[in-house]
Protein backbone atom coordinates (compact mmCIF):
# COMPACT_ATOMS: atom_id res chain seq x y z
CA UNK A 1 3.56 29.51 42.33
CA UNK A 2 0.71 27.91 44.73
CA UNK A 3 -1.41 30.82 44.91
CA UNK A 4 -1.22 31.42 41.09
CA UNK A 5 -2.10 27.36 40.74
CA UNK A 6 -4.83 27.62 43.63
CA UNK A 7 -6.81 30.55 41.60
CA UNK A 8 -8.28 28.34 38.74
CA UNK A 9 -8.70 25.51 41.20
CA UNK A 10 -11.11 27.71 43.33
CA UNK A 11 -12.87 28.80 40.29
CA UNK A 12 -13.29 25.16 39.05
CA UNK A 13 -14.16 23.84 42.43
CA UNK A 14 -16.82 26.30 43.01
CA UNK A 15 -18.67 26.63 39.43
CA UNK A 16 -18.29 22.70 38.06
CA UNK A 17 -20.03 21.26 40.53
CA UNK A 18 -22.91 23.68 39.74
CA UNK A 19 -23.15 23.10 35.84
CA UNK A 20 -23.54 20.50 33.43
CA UNK A 21 -20.10 20.86 31.63
CA UNK A 22 -17.39 19.30 32.91
CA UNK A 23 -14.65 21.95 31.62
CA UNK A 24 -14.31 25.57 32.59
CA UNK A 25 -14.65 27.32 29.05
CA UNK A 26 -17.87 25.19 28.56
CA UNK A 27 -19.14 25.85 31.89
CA UNK A 28 -19.20 29.70 31.32
CA UNK A 29 -21.38 29.50 28.67
CA UNK A 30 -23.97 28.24 30.98
CA UNK A 31 -23.94 31.28 32.99
CA UNK A 32 -25.73 34.75 32.62
CA UNK A 33 -25.98 37.78 34.59
CA UNK A 34 -29.26 38.35 36.01
CA UNK A 35 -29.26 42.12 36.68
CA UNK A 36 -29.84 41.63 40.23
CA UNK A 37 -27.18 43.39 42.66
CA UNK A 38 -26.81 43.62 45.78
CA UNK A 39 -25.40 46.20 48.14
CA UNK A 40 -23.60 45.15 51.44
CA UNK A 41 -22.77 48.73 52.17
CA UNK A 42 -19.63 47.81 53.41
CA UNK A 43 -16.53 45.40 51.78
CA UNK A 44 -17.51 42.55 54.14
CA UNK A 45 -18.36 40.01 51.23
CA UNK A 46 -16.58 37.42 49.17
CA UNK A 47 -17.08 36.35 45.57
CA UNK A 48 -18.60 32.69 45.33
CA UNK A 49 -16.69 32.08 42.37
CA UNK A 50 -12.97 33.02 42.38
CA UNK A 51 -13.41 33.73 46.55
CA UNK A 52 -12.00 37.49 46.00
CA UNK A 53 -13.23 38.99 49.58
CA UNK A 54 -14.04 42.38 50.53
CA UNK A 55 -16.63 43.01 48.16
CA UNK A 56 -19.45 45.55 48.53
CA UNK A 57 -21.18 44.83 45.59
CA UNK A 58 -22.58 41.14 44.77
CA UNK A 59 -24.01 40.62 41.02
CA UNK A 60 -26.32 37.35 40.73
CA UNK A 61 -25.43 34.82 38.18
CA UNK A 62 -27.74 31.80 36.79
CA UNK A 63 -26.82 28.67 35.27
CA UNK A 64 -29.43 28.30 32.50
CA UNK A 65 -29.42 24.52 32.65
CA UNK A 66 -29.24 23.87 36.19
CA UNK A 67 -30.80 26.90 37.56
CA UNK A 68 -28.11 27.21 40.35
CA UNK A 69 -26.92 30.66 41.27
CA UNK A 70 -23.86 32.40 42.46
CA UNK A 71 -23.25 35.86 43.81
CA UNK A 72 -19.82 36.94 42.23
CA UNK A 73 -18.06 40.37 41.86
CA UNK A 74 -18.50 42.12 38.73
CA UNK A 75 -14.77 41.53 37.28
CA UNK A 76 -15.59 37.72 37.52
CA UNK A 77 -18.27 38.21 34.80
CA UNK A 78 -16.06 39.79 32.73
CA UNK A 79 -12.97 37.69 32.98
CA UNK A 80 -14.92 34.68 32.27
CA UNK A 81 -16.84 36.15 29.51
CA UNK A 82 -20.51 35.57 31.47
CA UNK A 83 -23.30 36.52 29.33
CA UNK A 84 -24.86 39.64 29.66
CA UNK A 85 -27.96 40.87 28.09
CA UNK A 86 -29.77 44.02 27.43
CA UNK A 87 -33.18 44.02 25.91
CA UNK A 88 -32.95 40.13 25.23
CA UNK A 89 -29.39 40.79 23.28
CA UNK A 90 -26.14 39.40 24.37
CA UNK A 91 -23.86 42.29 24.78
CA UNK A 92 -20.36 42.49 23.55
CA UNK A 93 -17.30 42.59 26.21
CA UNK A 94 -17.18 46.25 25.62
CA UNK A 95 -20.79 46.65 26.09
CA UNK A 96 -21.00 44.43 29.26
CA UNK A 97 -18.52 46.50 31.17
CA UNK A 98 -20.33 49.39 30.41
CA UNK A 99 -23.51 48.14 31.66
CA UNK A 100 -21.95 46.74 34.82
CA UNK A 101 -20.32 49.86 35.33
CA UNK A 102 -23.38 51.76 34.87
CA UNK A 103 -25.42 49.47 37.27
CA UNK A 104 -22.74 50.13 39.76
CA UNK A 105 -22.97 53.76 39.79
CA UNK A 106 -26.82 53.50 40.29
CA UNK A 107 -25.81 51.74 43.24
CA UNK A 108 -23.58 54.14 44.45
CA UNK A 109 -26.14 57.05 43.71
CA UNK A 110 -28.64 55.09 45.62
CA UNK A 111 -26.26 54.83 48.56
CA UNK A 112 -25.65 58.41 48.67
CA UNK A 113 -29.24 59.40 48.54
CA UNK A 114 -29.80 57.07 51.65
CA UNK A 115 -27.29 58.55 53.41
CA UNK A 116 -28.46 61.92 52.62
CA UNK A 117 -31.94 60.90 53.66
CA UNK A 118 -30.72 59.46 57.06
CA UNK A 119 -28.83 62.75 57.63
CA UNK A 120 -32.33 64.79 57.25
CA UNK A 121 -33.71 62.63 59.66
CA UNK A 122 -31.17 63.41 62.03
CA UNK A 123 -31.09 67.04 62.04
CA UNK A 124 -33.65 69.49 61.08
CA UNK A 125 -31.59 71.68 58.62
CA UNK A 126 -33.09 73.59 55.57
CA UNK A 127 -29.55 73.00 54.03
CA UNK A 128 -29.50 69.63 54.31
CA UNK A 129 -32.94 68.84 52.69
CA UNK A 130 -32.48 71.08 50.16
CA UNK A 131 -28.96 69.28 49.27
CA UNK A 132 -31.25 66.09 49.29
CA UNK A 133 -33.34 67.36 46.72
CA UNK A 134 -30.75 68.84 44.59
CA UNK A 135 -28.72 65.54 44.74
CA UNK A 136 -31.80 63.54 43.80
CA UNK A 137 -32.96 65.64 40.99
CA UNK A 138 -29.26 66.54 39.34
CA UNK A 139 -26.94 63.74 40.49
CA UNK A 140 -24.52 66.07 41.86
CA UNK A 141 -23.89 68.61 44.49
CA UNK A 142 -22.23 72.19 44.43
CA UNK A 143 -19.00 72.67 46.56
CA UNK A 144 -20.70 74.51 49.53
CA UNK A 145 -23.55 71.89 49.41
CA UNK A 146 -20.73 69.26 49.49
CA UNK A 147 -19.02 70.83 52.63
CA UNK A 148 -22.14 70.76 54.45
CA UNK A 149 -23.10 67.26 53.39
CA UNK A 150 -19.82 65.79 53.87
CA UNK A 151 -19.51 67.45 57.21
CA UNK A 152 -22.63 66.70 58.98
CA UNK A 153 -22.55 62.95 58.05
CA UNK A 154 -19.23 62.93 59.61
CA UNK A 155 -20.28 64.33 62.77
CA UNK A 156 -23.45 62.39 62.78
CA UNK A 157 -21.27 59.12 62.54
CA UNK A 158 -23.76 57.98 59.48
CA UNK A 159 -22.23 55.66 57.47
CA UNK A 160 -21.22 56.77 54.02
CA UNK A 161 -18.73 56.81 51.21
CA UNK A 162 -17.41 60.28 50.22
CA UNK A 163 -15.97 58.97 47.07
CA UNK A 164 -19.45 58.10 46.08
CA UNK A 165 -20.81 61.59 46.03
CA UNK A 166 -20.40 63.87 42.76
CA UNK A 167 -19.49 67.44 42.84
CA UNK A 168 -20.04 69.68 39.88
CA UNK A 169 -17.53 72.31 38.71
CA UNK A 170 -18.63 73.02 35.62
CA UNK A 171 -20.03 76.24 36.18
CA UNK A 172 -18.19 79.15 36.77
CA UNK A 173 -19.76 80.28 40.49
CA UNK A 174 -19.22 76.48 41.56
CA UNK A 175 -15.43 77.07 40.56
CA UNK A 176 -15.37 80.39 42.10
CA UNK A 177 -16.97 78.99 45.13
CA UNK A 178 -13.86 76.40 45.51
CA UNK A 179 -11.72 78.79 45.01
CA UNK A 180 -13.00 80.94 47.98
CA UNK A 181 -13.74 78.27 50.25
CA UNK A 182 -10.94 77.65 53.30
CA UNK A 183 -8.31 74.84 52.47
CA UNK A 184 -10.00 72.91 55.43
CA UNK A 185 -13.29 72.73 53.69
CA UNK A 186 -11.94 71.75 50.71
CA UNK A 187 -10.03 68.84 52.48
CA UNK A 188 -13.49 67.78 53.75
CA UNK A 189 -14.68 67.53 49.96
CA UNK A 190 -11.36 66.17 48.77
CA UNK A 191 -12.56 62.46 48.50
CA UNK A 192 -15.55 63.46 46.38
CA UNK A 193 -13.18 65.41 43.90
CA UNK A 194 -11.94 63.31 40.51
CA UNK A 195 -8.45 63.69 39.87
CA UNK A 196 -9.34 66.33 37.31
CA UNK A 197 -11.11 68.31 40.28
CA UNK A 198 -8.34 67.86 42.55
CA UNK A 199 -5.55 69.44 40.06
CA UNK A 200 -8.06 72.25 39.36
CA UNK A 201 -8.15 73.20 43.34
CA UNK A 202 -4.55 73.17 43.37
CA UNK A 203 -4.42 75.69 40.37
CA UNK A 204 -6.87 77.62 42.66
CA UNK A 205 -4.58 77.69 45.63
CA UNK A 206 -5.35 74.73 47.64
CA UNK A 207 -2.96 71.93 48.53
CA UNK A 208 -3.81 68.37 48.98
CA UNK A 209 -4.39 66.93 52.48
CA UNK A 210 -1.42 65.35 54.03
CA UNK A 211 -2.98 61.95 54.10
CA UNK A 212 -3.90 61.70 50.18
C-alpha cells in the first residue's frame, strides 16, 4: 500500500516545483513533448517524472510557462496526457501513441545501423557490407543476412539488441531459406523474429531455443 501511495507522491514532487500550477491535472497541461529523444544504448536511465528505472530511451518534455525540462519515459507522456504535437496540431491520445512508437522505432533502426557500421569496420567482409547497404535501404534483413550479421556481432562483442533487427519472410524464397537453415542458425536469429515468424519457423520444422 505504501508503494502505491508513493507513486503519485513522486510524480507530484518532481513536477510541481517546475510548474506554475499547484495541482497535478493543471500542471500536466503546461508540459509538452519537444520531439527530442535520447538513446542511452542500454537500459540505465531513470524517468525524471515517475522515477521508473532501467529506461533506454529518454523523451524530453518542456513546460511552456517556466521553460523547465524533464527527461521522461514515453509511457509517462501518454499516462498523464502531456501534449504531443505534429505540424503544429495537438494530437489525440491515439495519435500521440502512434507518433511515440514511430519515433522509438526510428531510434531502434538507427541503433541497428550503428551496430552494422561498427561490424563493417571490425571485419572486411563483403557479405556484411552488402547487409549494411541492404538494411539501410530496405529496413529489414533476409534470414541468411540476419544469421551472418547477428553471429558476427556476437563474435565481435559489439553491443546490439537482436530484437531491434527486422527480418522479412514475405517472399517465398526467404521462407525457403528459413526452412533450409540449420536449427542452430535459426536459434541465432530467433530474438529478431516476431511471434508470427517464430510460429512459422516451427511449422517449417524448427524448434524454439531452450531458453526462450
